[in-house]
Protein backbone atom coordinates (compact mmCIF):
# COMPACT_ATOMS: atom_id res chain seq x y z
CA MET A 1 42.36 -7.34 -54.65
CA ASP A 2 39.01 -8.14 -56.18
CA SER A 3 38.69 -6.44 -59.27
CA SER A 4 35.08 -7.96 -60.08
CA PRO A 5 32.26 -5.52 -61.04
CA PRO A 6 30.23 -4.48 -57.77
CA VAL A 7 27.11 -6.12 -57.44
CA PRO A 8 24.17 -3.67 -57.31
CA LEU A 9 22.79 -3.13 -53.79
CA ASN A 10 19.49 -2.72 -54.75
CA GLU A 11 19.48 -6.43 -56.61
CA GLU A 12 21.28 -8.59 -54.11
CA CYS A 13 21.68 -7.18 -50.56
CA HIS A 14 18.45 -5.85 -49.20
CA ILE A 15 18.41 -5.62 -45.61
CA GLN A 16 14.97 -6.04 -44.27
CA PRO A 17 14.21 -4.73 -40.61
CA ALA A 18 13.48 -8.07 -38.40
CA PRO A 19 9.88 -9.01 -38.04
CA MET A 20 8.31 -8.09 -34.72
CA ALA A 21 7.48 -11.05 -32.94
CA LYS A 22 3.51 -11.02 -33.74
CA ASP A 23 4.72 -10.86 -37.58
CA ARG A 24 7.32 -13.51 -37.43
CA VAL A 25 6.40 -16.66 -39.64
CA LYS A 26 8.24 -19.95 -40.32
CA VAL A 27 11.24 -19.85 -42.75
CA THR A 28 11.64 -22.69 -45.24
CA ALA A 29 15.24 -23.04 -46.19
CA LEU A 30 16.16 -22.23 -49.64
CA PRO A 31 18.03 -24.86 -51.61
CA LEU A 32 21.78 -24.89 -51.78
CA VAL A 33 23.37 -23.40 -55.12
CA ASN A 34 23.17 -26.65 -57.77
CA ALA A 35 26.40 -28.61 -57.40
CA THR A 36 26.81 -28.68 -61.40
CA ASN A 37 27.18 -24.78 -61.63
CA ASP A 38 29.98 -23.82 -63.43
CA ARG A 39 32.99 -22.19 -61.65
CA GLY A 40 32.14 -18.72 -62.94
CA ASN A 41 28.77 -18.73 -61.49
CA ALA A 42 30.06 -19.89 -58.25
CA ASN A 43 32.62 -17.29 -58.07
CA VAL A 44 29.98 -14.52 -58.89
CA GLU A 45 28.35 -16.12 -55.88
CA LYS A 46 31.16 -15.92 -53.98
CA ARG A 47 31.70 -12.09 -54.69
CA ARG A 48 28.00 -11.24 -54.06
CA THR A 49 28.67 -13.00 -50.75
CA LYS A 50 31.59 -10.71 -49.72
CA TYR A 51 30.07 -7.60 -50.99
CA CYS A 52 27.18 -8.13 -48.74
CA VAL A 53 29.00 -9.07 -45.66
CA ARG A 54 31.10 -6.16 -46.23
CA THR A 55 28.26 -3.89 -46.49
CA LEU A 56 26.22 -5.38 -43.49
CA VAL A 57 29.54 -4.71 -41.52
CA ALA A 58 29.90 -1.14 -42.72
CA ALA A 59 26.35 -0.63 -41.69
CA ILE A 60 26.63 -2.26 -38.22
CA CYS A 61 29.77 -0.04 -37.79
CA GLY A 62 28.06 3.32 -38.83
CA LEU A 63 25.06 2.59 -36.34
CA LEU A 64 27.73 1.84 -33.39
CA ILE A 65 29.17 5.22 -34.13
CA ILE A 66 25.80 6.95 -34.12
CA ALA A 67 24.86 5.27 -30.91
CA THR A 68 28.15 5.94 -29.26
CA VAL A 69 27.76 9.81 -30.11
CA LEU A 70 24.24 10.23 -28.99
CA SER A 71 25.07 8.38 -25.78
CA ALA A 72 27.68 10.94 -25.02
CA VAL A 73 25.04 13.91 -25.84
CA TYR A 74 22.50 12.59 -23.78
CA ALA A 75 23.85 10.95 -21.13
CA LYS A 76 23.48 12.19 -17.56
CA PRO A 77 26.01 14.39 -16.30
CA ARG A 78 28.91 12.67 -14.27
CA ALA A 79 29.63 13.68 -10.76
CA VAL A 80 32.93 15.54 -10.01
CA TYR A 81 33.70 13.10 -7.30
CA ASP A 82 33.86 9.77 -8.21
CA GLN A 83 32.06 7.46 -5.71
CA THR A 84 35.35 5.26 -5.13
CA SER A 85 37.60 8.27 -4.78
CA PRO A 86 39.70 8.60 -1.78
CA LEU A 87 38.40 11.88 -0.61
CA GLN A 88 34.71 10.61 -0.82
CA THR A 89 35.59 7.10 0.81
CA ALA A 90 37.34 9.22 3.82
CA ARG A 91 34.47 11.56 4.09
CA LYS A 92 31.59 8.92 4.27
CA LYS A 93 33.71 6.87 6.87
CA ALA A 94 33.96 9.90 9.15
CA ILE A 95 30.23 10.35 8.94
CA VAL A 96 29.59 6.73 9.71
CA GLU A 97 32.11 7.12 12.61
CA ALA A 98 30.34 9.87 14.05
CA PHE A 99 27.12 7.97 13.94
CA GLN A 100 28.88 4.85 15.51
CA HIS A 101 30.32 7.18 18.18
CA ALA A 102 26.98 8.74 19.12
CA TRP A 103 25.15 5.40 18.94
CA LYS A 104 27.66 3.58 21.44
CA GLY A 105 27.23 6.65 23.62
CA TYR A 106 23.32 6.05 23.60
CA SER A 107 23.23 2.22 23.70
CA GLN A 108 25.67 1.86 26.15
CA ASN A 109 24.26 4.54 28.61
CA CYS A 110 20.47 5.15 27.88
CA PHE A 111 19.19 2.23 25.16
CA GLY A 112 15.73 2.03 25.45
CA HIS A 113 14.94 5.96 26.86
CA ASP A 114 14.09 8.52 24.30
CA ILE A 115 17.45 10.89 24.57
CA LEU A 116 20.91 10.60 26.07
CA HIS A 117 22.03 14.08 27.44
CA PRO A 118 25.59 13.61 26.07
CA VAL A 119 27.34 15.99 28.70
CA THR A 120 25.86 15.03 32.00
CA ASN A 121 25.20 11.19 30.74
CA MET A 122 21.60 11.65 31.81
CA CYS A 123 18.47 9.58 30.24
CA GLU A 124 15.16 11.31 29.41
CA ASP A 125 11.81 9.96 28.30
CA ASP A 126 10.35 12.94 26.68
CA LEU A 127 8.17 11.37 24.17
CA GLY A 128 6.54 8.23 26.12
CA GLY A 129 9.63 6.55 26.65
CA TYR A 130 9.55 4.16 23.38
CA GLY A 131 12.92 4.69 22.69
CA ALA A 132 12.61 7.86 20.17
CA THR A 133 16.36 7.76 19.69
CA ALA A 134 16.57 4.12 18.83
CA ILE A 135 13.73 3.89 16.50
CA ASP A 136 14.47 7.16 14.86
CA ALA A 137 17.97 5.87 13.68
CA LEU A 138 16.80 2.38 12.42
CA SER A 139 16.63 3.72 9.07
CA THR A 140 20.13 5.38 9.05
CA ALA A 141 21.67 2.16 10.80
CA ILE A 142 20.09 0.40 7.91
CA ILE A 143 21.42 2.53 5.10
CA PHE A 144 24.92 2.76 6.65
CA GLY A 145 25.13 -1.17 7.13
CA GLU A 146 25.10 -1.39 10.46
CA GLU A 147 23.54 -4.69 11.22
CA GLU A 148 24.33 -5.21 15.06
CA ALA A 149 22.56 -2.32 15.60
CA VAL A 150 19.75 -2.86 13.28
CA LEU A 151 19.06 -5.66 15.35
CA GLN A 152 19.53 -4.66 18.72
CA ILE A 153 16.92 -2.08 17.60
CA LEU A 154 14.58 -4.27 16.09
CA ARG A 155 14.46 -6.42 19.42
CA HIS A 156 13.69 -3.75 20.88
CA ILE A 157 10.52 -2.80 19.19
CA ALA A 158 9.56 -6.23 19.32
CA ALA A 159 9.55 -6.22 23.04
CA LEU A 160 8.08 -2.82 23.20
CA ASP A 161 4.79 -2.09 25.48
CA LEU A 162 3.03 0.59 23.66
CA MET A 163 0.56 0.78 26.44
CA LYS A 164 3.02 1.94 29.18
CA VAL A 165 3.83 5.72 28.37
CA ALA A 166 6.93 7.06 30.48
CA GLY A 167 5.95 10.22 32.38
CA GLY A 168 2.45 10.14 31.94
CA SER A 169 -0.28 8.70 30.15
CA LYS A 170 -0.13 10.29 26.54
CA ILE A 171 1.95 10.43 23.54
CA GLN A 172 2.37 13.75 21.08
CA VAL A 173 0.74 12.53 17.94
CA PHE A 174 2.93 14.67 15.61
CA GLU A 175 6.45 13.70 16.67
CA VAL A 176 5.58 9.83 17.16
CA THR A 177 4.12 9.70 13.64
CA ILE A 178 7.13 11.18 12.05
CA ARG A 179 9.48 9.35 14.32
CA HIS A 180 8.42 6.36 15.73
CA LEU A 181 5.50 5.22 13.09
CA ALA A 182 7.59 6.54 10.14
CA GLY A 183 10.92 5.00 11.16
CA MET A 184 8.98 1.45 11.59
CA ILE A 185 7.68 1.68 8.23
CA SER A 186 10.77 3.03 6.50
CA ALA A 187 12.50 -0.22 8.14
CA TRP A 188 10.13 -2.24 6.78
CA ASP A 189 10.20 -1.18 3.34
CA LEU A 190 14.00 -1.11 3.33
CA LEU A 191 14.37 -4.58 4.81
CA ASN A 192 12.20 -6.08 2.14
CA GLY A 193 13.46 -4.10 -0.69
CA PRO A 194 16.98 -2.95 -1.54
CA PHE A 195 18.53 -4.42 2.38
CA LYS A 196 16.48 -7.46 2.19
CA SER A 197 19.69 -9.43 2.89
CA MET A 198 20.00 -7.73 6.37
CA ALA A 199 18.22 -8.74 9.80
CA ARG A 200 16.57 -12.00 7.96
CA ASP A 201 15.33 -12.96 11.34
CA GLN A 202 11.58 -13.45 10.27
CA GLU A 203 10.08 -13.13 14.03
CA LEU A 204 11.60 -9.58 14.20
CA ARG A 205 10.43 -8.76 10.78
CA GLN A 206 6.94 -9.78 11.73
CA ALA A 207 7.23 -8.02 15.35
CA LEU A 208 8.26 -4.66 13.54
CA TYR A 209 5.14 -5.24 11.23
CA ASP A 210 2.83 -5.83 13.92
CA GLN A 211 4.05 -3.12 16.16
CA MET A 212 3.76 -0.54 13.88
CA VAL A 213 0.17 -1.62 12.94
CA ARG A 214 -0.55 -1.19 16.64
CA LEU A 215 1.14 2.09 17.06
CA GLY A 216 -0.79 3.22 13.94
CA ASP A 217 -4.21 2.13 15.75
CA ILE A 218 -3.42 4.20 18.35
CA LEU A 219 -2.45 7.29 16.76
CA ALA A 220 -5.82 6.84 14.91
CA CYS A 221 -7.33 7.58 18.03
CA ALA A 222 -6.59 11.29 17.93
CA PHE A 223 -8.75 11.59 14.96
CA ASP A 224 -11.96 11.06 16.71
CA THR A 225 -13.22 14.43 16.33
CA PRO A 226 -16.16 16.32 14.77
CA SER A 227 -14.17 17.45 12.54
CA GLY A 228 -11.82 14.57 11.81
CA ILE A 229 -9.00 17.29 12.75
CA PRO A 230 -6.42 15.13 14.95
CA HIS A 231 -5.77 16.15 18.63
CA ASP A 232 -2.16 16.73 19.81
CA TRP A 233 -2.09 13.78 22.41
CA VAL A 234 -3.64 10.25 22.66
CA ASP A 235 -3.83 7.88 25.60
CA PRO A 236 -2.86 4.51 24.14
CA VAL A 237 -4.76 2.61 26.52
CA THR A 238 -8.10 4.62 26.66
CA CYS A 239 -7.56 5.19 22.67
CA SER A 240 -8.83 9.18 24.00
CA ALA A 241 -7.39 12.31 23.38
CA ASP A 242 -6.55 15.43 25.30
CA ASP A 243 -9.08 18.55 25.54
CA GLY A 244 -7.23 20.74 23.38
CA THR A 245 -9.18 22.96 21.10
CA GLN A 246 -6.64 23.79 18.44
CA SER A 247 -4.07 21.86 16.45
CA THR A 248 -1.00 23.03 14.06
CA VAL A 249 -1.35 23.18 10.56
CA ALA A 250 1.89 20.85 10.26
CA SER A 251 0.20 18.43 12.67
CA VAL A 252 -2.98 17.92 10.45
CA GLY A 253 -0.92 18.16 7.15
CA THR A 254 1.97 15.98 8.22
CA VAL A 255 0.34 12.18 8.77
CA VAL A 256 -0.70 11.71 4.62
CA LEU A 257 2.56 9.85 3.94
CA GLU A 258 2.99 7.83 7.10
CA PHE A 259 -0.45 6.76 7.44
CA GLY A 260 -1.00 6.34 3.84
CA ARG A 261 1.95 4.08 3.34
CA LEU A 262 0.46 2.40 6.26
CA SER A 263 -2.60 1.62 4.36
CA ASP A 264 -0.67 0.57 1.59
CA ILE A 265 1.15 -2.09 3.26
CA THR A 266 -1.29 -3.32 5.17
CA GLY A 267 -4.40 -3.12 2.80
CA ASP A 268 -6.28 -1.41 5.22
CA LYS A 269 -7.82 2.06 3.88
CA ARG A 270 -8.92 3.25 7.06
CA TYR A 271 -5.80 4.97 8.12
CA VAL A 272 -5.32 7.10 4.93
CA ALA A 273 -9.21 8.11 4.87
CA LEU A 274 -8.31 9.43 8.55
CA ALA A 275 -5.35 11.46 6.95
CA HIS A 276 -7.45 12.64 3.92
CA ARG A 277 -10.57 14.02 6.01
CA ALA A 278 -8.23 16.17 7.88
CA GLU A 279 -6.17 17.26 5.06
CA ASN A 280 -9.22 18.26 3.33
CA TYR A 281 -9.54 21.44 5.89
CA MET A 282 -6.06 22.46 4.62
CA LEU A 283 -6.62 22.16 0.84
CA ARG A 284 -9.92 23.98 1.17
CA PRO A 285 -9.17 26.89 3.95
CA ASN A 286 -11.40 29.54 4.89
CA PRO A 287 -10.40 32.68 3.31
CA SER A 288 -9.61 34.55 6.51
CA GLY A 289 -7.13 31.85 7.54
CA GLU A 290 -5.03 32.61 4.41
CA PRO A 291 -3.39 35.96 4.00
CA TYR A 292 -1.77 34.86 0.93
CA PRO A 293 -2.76 32.47 -1.61
CA GLY A 294 -1.58 28.96 -0.51
CA LEU A 295 -0.17 30.40 2.72
CA PRO A 296 -2.15 29.79 5.81
CA GLY A 297 -2.17 30.34 9.52
CA SER A 298 -0.74 28.37 11.97
CA PHE A 299 -3.62 26.95 14.06
CA VAL A 300 -6.83 24.95 13.49
CA ASN A 301 -9.77 24.65 15.55
CA VAL A 302 -10.01 21.32 16.05
CA ALA A 303 -13.93 21.10 16.41
CA THR A 304 -14.62 22.79 13.20
CA GLY A 305 -11.50 22.63 10.83
CA VAL A 306 -11.58 26.31 10.73
CA ILE A 307 -7.98 28.24 10.53
CA VAL A 308 -7.97 30.36 13.57
CA ASP A 309 -5.36 32.91 12.78
CA ALA A 310 -3.24 34.60 9.96
CA THR A 311 0.32 34.12 11.34
CA GLY A 312 2.44 31.82 9.83
CA SER A 313 5.81 30.94 7.92
CA TRP A 314 7.84 28.27 6.47
CA GLY A 315 8.88 27.29 9.89
CA SER A 316 7.65 25.87 12.95
CA SER A 317 3.76 25.07 13.09
CA SER A 318 3.70 24.95 9.38
CA ASP A 319 6.73 23.66 7.78
CA SER A 320 6.18 20.16 6.88
CA TYR A 321 2.41 20.71 5.82
CA TYR A 322 4.25 22.42 2.76
CA GLU A 323 6.66 19.62 2.60
CA TYR A 324 3.99 17.07 2.37
CA LEU A 325 1.82 18.70 -0.12
CA LEU A 326 4.56 18.21 -2.67
CA LYS A 327 5.76 14.91 -1.11
CA ALA A 328 2.48 13.11 -1.28
CA TYR A 329 2.28 13.74 -4.94
CA ILE A 330 5.50 12.06 -5.55
CA TYR A 331 4.40 9.11 -3.27
CA ASN A 332 1.23 8.71 -5.61
CA GLY A 333 0.56 11.36 -8.26
CA GLU A 334 -2.44 9.92 -9.52
CA LEU A 335 -3.96 10.03 -6.13
CA TYR A 336 -2.54 13.47 -4.96
CA GLY A 337 -2.33 15.93 -8.14
CA THR A 338 -4.25 18.55 -5.92
CA TYR A 339 -1.97 18.44 -2.94
CA LEU A 340 0.66 19.24 -6.08
CA ASP A 341 -1.42 22.29 -7.18
CA ARG A 342 -1.91 23.42 -3.55
CA TRP A 343 1.92 23.18 -3.38
CA LEU A 344 2.43 25.04 -6.52
CA VAL A 345 0.01 27.99 -5.16
CA ALA A 346 2.17 28.03 -2.21
CA ALA A 347 5.33 28.39 -3.81
CA ASP A 348 4.14 31.11 -6.31
CA SER A 349 3.08 33.30 -3.37
CA THR A 350 6.14 32.92 -1.75
CA MET A 351 8.00 33.90 -4.54
CA ARG A 352 5.53 36.82 -4.91
CA SER A 353 5.27 38.15 -1.73
CA ILE A 354 7.23 36.28 1.00
CA GLY A 355 10.94 35.66 -0.14
CA SER A 356 13.28 38.70 -0.34
CA HIS A 357 17.20 39.15 -0.70
CA PRO A 358 19.52 40.77 2.19
CA TYR A 359 20.71 44.50 1.09
CA GLY A 360 23.69 43.93 -1.81
CA HIS A 361 23.00 39.98 -2.49
CA PRO A 362 20.31 39.72 -5.13
CA GLU A 363 21.73 35.88 -5.47
CA TRP A 364 20.48 35.34 -1.93
CA THR A 365 16.81 34.57 -0.80
CA LEU A 366 15.53 34.74 2.75
CA LEU A 367 12.13 33.71 3.85
CA ALA A 368 10.05 36.12 6.27
CA SER A 369 7.41 35.22 8.51
CA TRP A 370 3.86 36.92 8.20
CA ASP A 371 1.09 38.09 10.44
CA GLY A 372 -1.63 38.77 7.90
CA SER A 373 -0.11 41.13 5.54
CA LEU A 374 2.77 42.20 7.58
CA LEU A 375 6.12 40.80 6.94
CA GLU A 376 9.01 40.43 9.41
CA GLN A 377 12.31 39.93 7.80
CA ARG A 378 13.13 37.11 10.37
CA MET A 379 13.56 33.22 9.55
CA GLU A 380 14.17 30.36 11.87
CA SER A 381 16.45 27.62 11.05
CA LEU A 382 13.57 25.05 10.61
CA SER A 383 12.43 27.27 7.55
CA TRP A 384 15.97 26.63 5.62
CA PHE A 385 14.14 23.17 4.12
CA ALA A 386 12.22 25.03 2.26
CA GLY A 387 15.12 25.66 -0.23
CA GLY A 388 15.01 21.65 -0.74
CA SER A 389 11.30 21.69 -1.24
CA PHE A 390 11.77 24.28 -4.13
CA ILE A 391 14.35 22.30 -5.54
CA LEU A 392 12.36 18.90 -5.56
CA GLY A 393 9.50 20.62 -6.96
CA GLY A 394 11.33 21.99 -9.67
CA MET A 395 12.82 18.56 -10.56
CA VAL A 396 9.53 16.84 -10.46
CA THR A 397 7.63 19.53 -12.55
CA ASP A 398 10.51 20.32 -14.83
CA ASN A 399 10.40 23.78 -13.80
CA GLN A 400 14.11 25.66 -13.72
CA THR A 401 12.58 28.73 -12.14
CA LEU A 402 11.52 26.73 -9.12
CA VAL A 403 15.01 24.91 -8.96
CA ASP A 404 16.78 28.35 -9.38
CA TYR A 405 14.54 29.71 -6.25
CA GLY A 406 15.30 26.84 -4.08
CA LEU A 407 19.25 27.04 -5.04
CA SER A 408 19.23 30.93 -3.93
CA ILE A 409 17.91 29.74 -0.59
CA ALA A 410 20.68 27.27 -0.29
CA ASP A 411 23.30 29.69 -1.35
CA ALA A 412 21.75 32.16 1.71
CA ALA A 413 22.44 29.11 3.93
CA GLY A 414 25.91 28.79 2.84
CA ALA A 415 26.59 32.57 3.42
CA VAL A 416 25.14 32.09 6.86
CA TYR A 417 27.33 29.43 7.65
CA ASN A 418 30.43 30.89 6.21
CA MET A 419 29.77 33.99 8.32
CA THR A 420 29.84 32.71 11.87
CA THR A 421 33.02 31.87 14.06
CA THR A 422 32.26 28.45 14.25
CA GLY A 423 31.14 27.66 10.77
CA LEU A 424 27.65 26.74 11.90
CA GLY A 425 24.22 28.85 11.53
CA GLY A 426 22.17 29.91 14.48
CA GLU A 427 18.62 29.46 15.39
CA PHE A 428 17.22 32.63 14.05
CA VAL A 429 18.48 35.14 11.40
CA THR A 430 17.38 38.82 10.40
CA TRP A 431 18.33 40.87 7.32
CA ASN A 432 17.90 44.31 5.94
CA THR A 433 16.45 44.43 2.55
CA SER A 434 17.53 48.15 1.88
CA CYS A 435 20.66 50.30 2.74
CA GLU A 436 20.50 50.91 6.41
CA GLY A 437 23.49 52.10 8.59
CA THR A 438 26.55 51.71 7.03
CA CYS A 439 25.06 50.05 3.92
CA ASP A 440 27.71 47.48 4.02
CA PRO A 441 26.41 44.08 2.05
CA ARG A 442 28.51 41.97 4.67
CA ASP A 443 26.30 43.35 7.52
CA SER A 444 22.81 42.92 5.90
CA ILE A 445 21.93 39.20 7.37
CA GLN A 446 22.38 39.12 11.39
CA ILE A 447 22.39 36.39 13.69
CA ALA A 448 19.33 37.05 15.95
CA ASP A 449 19.98 33.86 17.99
CA GLY A 450 22.99 32.00 18.15
CA ARG A 451 22.27 28.85 19.22
CA TYR A 452 22.96 25.79 17.00
CA ARG A 453 20.20 23.07 17.85
CA LEU A 454 21.99 20.27 15.73
CA ARG A 455 19.20 20.55 13.08
CA PRO A 456 19.11 18.91 9.83
CA GLU A 457 17.27 21.38 7.72
CA VAL A 458 20.25 23.24 6.17
CA LEU A 459 22.22 19.68 5.25
CA GLU A 460 18.62 18.50 3.83
CA THR A 461 18.32 21.44 1.39
CA TRP A 462 22.35 20.89 0.52
CA TYR A 463 21.52 17.51 -0.43
CA TYR A 464 18.89 18.68 -2.53
CA ALA A 465 20.79 21.14 -4.30
CA TYR A 466 23.59 18.61 -4.97
CA ARG A 467 21.03 16.07 -6.15
CA ALA A 468 19.85 18.82 -8.80
CA THR A 469 23.24 20.50 -9.79
CA LYS A 470 26.07 17.98 -8.89
CA ASP A 471 27.76 21.51 -8.05
CA VAL A 472 30.44 20.29 -5.53
CA LYS A 473 30.05 23.27 -3.36
CA TYR A 474 26.98 21.85 -1.73
CA ARG A 475 29.41 18.58 -0.92
CA ASP A 476 32.16 20.98 0.72
CA TRP A 477 29.82 23.22 2.53
CA THR A 478 28.00 19.99 3.97
CA TRP A 479 31.34 18.75 4.87
CA ALA A 480 32.45 21.67 6.13
CA ALA A 481 29.59 22.01 8.56
CA PHE A 482 29.88 18.19 9.44
CA GLU A 483 33.62 19.25 10.55
CA ALA A 484 32.30 22.01 12.33
CA MET A 485 29.96 20.04 13.94
CA ASN A 486 32.26 17.61 14.97
CA HIS A 487 34.69 20.22 16.38
CA TYR A 488 32.46 22.40 18.38
CA CYS A 489 29.30 19.89 19.38
CA ARG A 490 31.43 16.50 19.83
CA THR A 491 31.13 15.11 23.34
CA ASP A 492 32.82 11.77 24.85
CA LEU A 493 29.22 10.22 24.67
CA GLY A 494 27.76 11.94 21.29
CA PHE A 495 26.98 15.52 20.19
CA SER A 496 25.42 18.53 21.90
CA GLY A 497 24.15 21.82 20.72
CA ILE A 498 26.08 24.83 21.44
CA ASN A 499 24.50 28.15 22.94
CA ASN A 500 26.35 30.60 20.64
CA VAL A 501 27.94 30.19 17.12
CA ASN A 502 29.91 33.24 17.08
CA ALA A 503 31.94 32.45 20.33
CA VAL A 504 35.28 31.36 19.78
CA ASP A 505 34.60 27.98 21.76
CA GLY A 506 30.77 27.85 20.96
CA GLY A 507 29.45 29.29 23.95
CA GLY A 508 29.27 26.26 25.62
CA LYS A 509 27.19 22.92 25.25
CA ASP A 510 23.47 22.78 25.80
CA ASP A 511 23.30 19.02 26.54
CA VAL A 512 20.99 18.12 24.28
CA GLN A 513 21.11 15.48 21.66
CA GLU A 514 17.80 14.95 19.88
CA SER A 515 16.88 11.95 18.06
CA PHE A 516 17.13 13.61 14.75
CA VAL A 517 20.66 13.65 15.08
CA PHE A 518 20.64 10.04 14.12
CA ALA A 519 17.86 10.25 11.57
CA GLU A 520 18.51 13.18 9.42
CA VAL A 521 21.97 15.14 10.28
CA MET A 522 24.19 11.75 9.80
CA LYS A 523 22.06 10.66 6.90
CA TYR A 524 21.80 13.64 4.78
CA ALA A 525 25.62 14.39 5.24
CA TYR A 526 25.85 10.93 4.23
CA LEU A 527 23.98 11.12 1.34
CA THR A 528 25.12 14.32 0.09
CA HIS A 529 28.74 12.16 -0.44
CA LEU A 530 27.06 9.09 -1.77
CA GLU A 531 27.65 9.06 -5.33
CA ASP A 532 26.01 5.45 -6.26
CA GLU A 533 23.36 5.82 -8.71
CA ASP A 534 22.21 2.37 -8.22
CA ALA A 535 20.99 3.56 -4.72
CA PRO A 536 17.33 3.30 -5.10
CA TYR A 537 16.51 5.39 -2.01
CA HIS A 538 18.35 8.49 -3.26
CA VAL A 539 16.28 11.53 -4.36
CA GLN A 540 16.28 11.71 -8.41
CA ASP A 541 16.50 14.62 -10.76
CA SER A 542 13.36 13.94 -12.75
CA ARG A 543 14.31 16.20 -15.68
CA THR A 544 16.92 13.63 -16.33
CA GLY A 545 14.53 10.95 -17.00
CA ALA A 546 15.52 9.15 -13.58
CA LYS A 547 12.76 8.34 -11.56
CA ASN A 548 12.26 8.71 -7.78
CA LEU A 549 11.23 5.31 -6.04
CA TRP A 550 11.13 6.70 -2.47
CA VAL A 551 10.52 9.61 -0.86
CA TYR A 552 11.55 11.04 2.61
CA ASN A 553 9.15 12.00 5.33
CA THR A 554 10.07 14.97 7.47
CA GLU A 555 12.08 13.16 9.52
CA ALA A 556 14.45 11.84 6.66
CA HIS A 557 12.59 8.23 6.74
CA PRO A 558 12.84 6.98 3.36
CA LEU A 559 9.16 5.37 2.30
CA ARG A 560 8.62 3.42 -1.18
CA VAL A 561 6.70 5.39 -3.38
CA ALA A 562 3.14 3.56 -4.18
CA GLY A 563 2.04 5.45 -7.63
CA ARG A 564 3.76 5.72 -10.72
CA PRO A 565 7.53 6.86 -10.26
CA LEU A 566 8.00 10.35 -10.97
């Protein structure tokens, strides 16, 4: 043991911080200790060196310990299920298999048509014959790694004649925008981003770009009105629209993401300018068309931009208008701050006036529809997306009240699915807010329409709920719903809706498989079980410091954000 007296730290072992790059100067080497120094001086120097080294090592170790502790304290919560666990692997594999099963039925029997009827094996072109199922399935096929299906769809898009409309001369603007145009744009973003190693054929990629621009040009024709409010239908050949005098609030408010992204990709600002002009009527509505602050009616006069009624909900005719107010802000916060303001007003009015709790269950929230100041305790399946919207808004704005409100809607959905014979939710529910009849809380929610139409909105909200909480019940509910769908809805060719969620056999199948089964149902079920935090297309919880690099359109097509990630 070295018994030499310690060397004072303040004399010999000062540790100066490293200079910043701009402050660094050339250092001239000091001369070595003179070889003629006596042995005593050499020993002193040796002891000083040892002491300094020990001190430096101790300091480094201390810093490492502090860093480790801080990392543990502030680390992002880990998921309960590891992404490589056998359970998660098996669930994801089953979901991909379901996609493959439905894709095989469609691609072998009706490829290029809009939908397959999975019971009778009949094909139908209800959206112009552009191949809605194929294009709507594209982003899911990319994320699932189904390259053969991706190439098949890209070849279809390349060969598609957008001037030919099956069954008529006009296409439906809203549906083609959210399914076809968004599907193409999303594929472009994904294949030029995290999946750039897939489908490398440059001719197919160029064809994808060209076709999405052509389709954008066709859809832009619908905005040629005195107000800029788009018509519902447009003729690709003549660039003319229908003669309708009204459009839905959702139709007006559900183009800003698709047209905005198209403008950002192409550099042509014409598309987003059309979306902005139409949306401005929704941002500044006439007072008579807004019975509650931020909550308008459902229909807009095409010529004037005036909202013509005071009947609304978070469901059909309005749903994605609210959805896009928030998501436009996530897409580009610098450009769409006023959209967030409007969403926050709508959210506040909903919490104050529209949402209510079924008797005996203050932990669950359901959203009524309104006719002026009159409320009806009736909620359709489309409205369940609102839970995810509140959760996402709370994560982005760091507002726990919004998150909790969204979770209470997500939990109500779980209760509804758990109360039916099939484990699937009906098309409409009603509820009592006060003691009526037997006053049994178990009877305070009723299934008013027992059809299950393979809708994705509940799975969507559970996905956001899991991303915000990492509570495994949302995964388990998603898996239970997927298993129920697999049991009651599966056919030899795909998946069909059922007629009665409270019938032992589902009440028979309705023979309808919408394209959103591929675009949304399969994708949200899969993403909820995907724990890969390196997947950039995941929704992120901004409260943890993570940033959203992508935002999902209303058909679950991920689009790359253009502004500063939030």
